[in-house]
Protein backbone atom coordinates (compact mmCIF):
# COMPACT_ATOMS: atom_id res chain seq x y z
CA UNK A 1 -62.33 -16.54 13.35
CA UNK A 2 -59.51 -15.15 14.35
CA UNK A 3 -59.03 -16.81 18.20
CA UNK A 4 -59.72 -20.49 16.55
CA UNK A 5 -55.78 -20.90 16.43
CA UNK A 6 -55.36 -19.96 19.75
CA UNK A 7 -58.29 -21.97 20.89
CA UNK A 8 -56.37 -24.95 19.26
CA UNK A 9 -53.19 -24.12 20.81
CA UNK A 10 -54.52 -24.14 24.32
CA UNK A 11 -56.48 -27.55 23.53
CA UNK A 12 -53.59 -29.29 22.81
CA UNK A 13 -51.36 -28.00 25.49
CA UNK A 14 -54.32 -29.05 28.06
CA UNK A 15 -54.58 -32.75 26.70
CA UNK A 16 -50.73 -32.90 26.27
CA UNK A 17 -50.75 -32.80 30.47
CA UNK A 18 -54.16 -34.51 31.14
CA UNK A 19 -52.73 -37.46 29.12
CA UNK A 20 -48.81 -37.46 29.92
CA UNK A 21 -47.87 -40.38 32.31
CA UNK A 22 -47.36 -39.35 35.98
CA UNK A 23 -45.55 -40.34 38.56
CA UNK A 24 -42.79 -41.95 36.71
CA UNK A 25 -39.61 -41.03 37.56
CA UNK A 26 -36.85 -40.48 34.70
CA UNK A 27 -33.74 -42.78 35.45
CA UNK A 28 -30.38 -41.01 35.64
CA UNK A 29 -27.09 -42.62 35.54
CA UNK A 30 -23.42 -41.13 35.85
CA UNK A 31 -20.13 -42.54 34.43
CA UNK A 32 -17.34 -42.57 36.74
CA UNK A 33 -14.07 -44.38 35.95
CA UNK A 34 -15.81 -46.91 33.46
CA UNK A 35 -18.72 -47.74 35.84
CA UNK A 36 -22.50 -46.57 35.84
CA UNK A 37 -23.60 -44.95 38.75
CA UNK A 38 -27.43 -44.93 39.33
CA UNK A 39 -28.40 -41.64 40.83
CA UNK A 40 -32.11 -41.79 40.16
CA UNK A 41 -33.53 -39.68 42.93
CA UNK A 42 -30.13 -38.65 44.62
CA UNK A 43 -29.60 -34.84 45.00
CA UNK A 44 -26.44 -33.67 43.99
CA UNK A 45 -23.81 -32.31 46.81
CA UNK A 46 -20.38 -32.66 47.97
CA UNK A 47 -21.13 -36.38 49.46
CA UNK A 48 -22.66 -37.28 46.32
CA UNK A 49 -21.96 -36.61 42.93
CA UNK A 50 -21.79 -32.87 40.99
CA UNK A 51 -21.77 -31.99 37.36
CA UNK A 52 -19.00 -29.59 36.86
CA UNK A 53 -18.58 -27.75 34.02
CA UNK A 54 -16.11 -29.71 31.04
CA UNK A 55 -15.54 -29.44 27.14
CA UNK A 56 -17.66 -32.07 25.45
CA UNK A 57 -18.67 -34.08 28.19
CA UNK A 58 -22.00 -34.91 29.32
CA UNK A 59 -23.10 -35.68 33.20
CA UNK A 60 -26.15 -37.38 33.22
CA UNK A 61 -27.70 -40.28 31.14
CA UNK A 62 -31.10 -42.10 30.75
CA UNK A 63 -29.47 -45.46 31.10
CA UNK A 64 -25.68 -47.20 30.95
CA UNK A 65 -24.40 -46.34 27.77
CA UNK A 66 -27.49 -44.52 27.07
CA UNK A 67 -28.52 -40.90 26.08
CA UNK A 68 -27.29 -37.67 27.69
CA UNK A 69 -30.51 -36.10 29.55
CA UNK A 70 -29.22 -32.63 28.85
CA UNK A 71 -27.24 -32.69 25.67
CA UNK A 72 -26.74 -29.06 25.32
CA UNK A 73 -25.28 -28.95 28.74
CA UNK A 74 -21.52 -29.66 28.59
CA UNK A 75 -21.02 -30.65 32.03
CA UNK A 76 -18.86 -33.85 33.47
CA UNK A 77 -19.87 -36.06 36.29
CA UNK A 78 -18.08 -36.14 39.40
CA UNK A 79 -18.40 -39.13 41.95
CA UNK A 80 -18.21 -37.44 45.43
CA UNK A 81 -18.90 -40.50 47.65
CA UNK A 82 -21.94 -42.40 46.24
CA UNK A 83 -21.97 -45.84 46.52
CA UNK A 84 -23.71 -47.67 43.85
CA UNK A 85 -27.37 -48.27 44.78
CA UNK A 86 -28.66 -50.77 42.91
């Protein structure tokens, strides 16, 4: 009986992983001078974009004018030469 809560937790975690959607990539957008750039699947780097430290700024969003993907991080999107691919 003492291990029943632990067993319930393990089963809940197993079902959460088993029935979660797979293969869906999360859309990522950065805003540069009022233009939204789709960076989904693009690796940050010196010729694409970076997320630099900033105060009260967010780097990536789930959609244009959407929600920040990492709201706890204060980072600013910096376009380093990536073209709008879509």
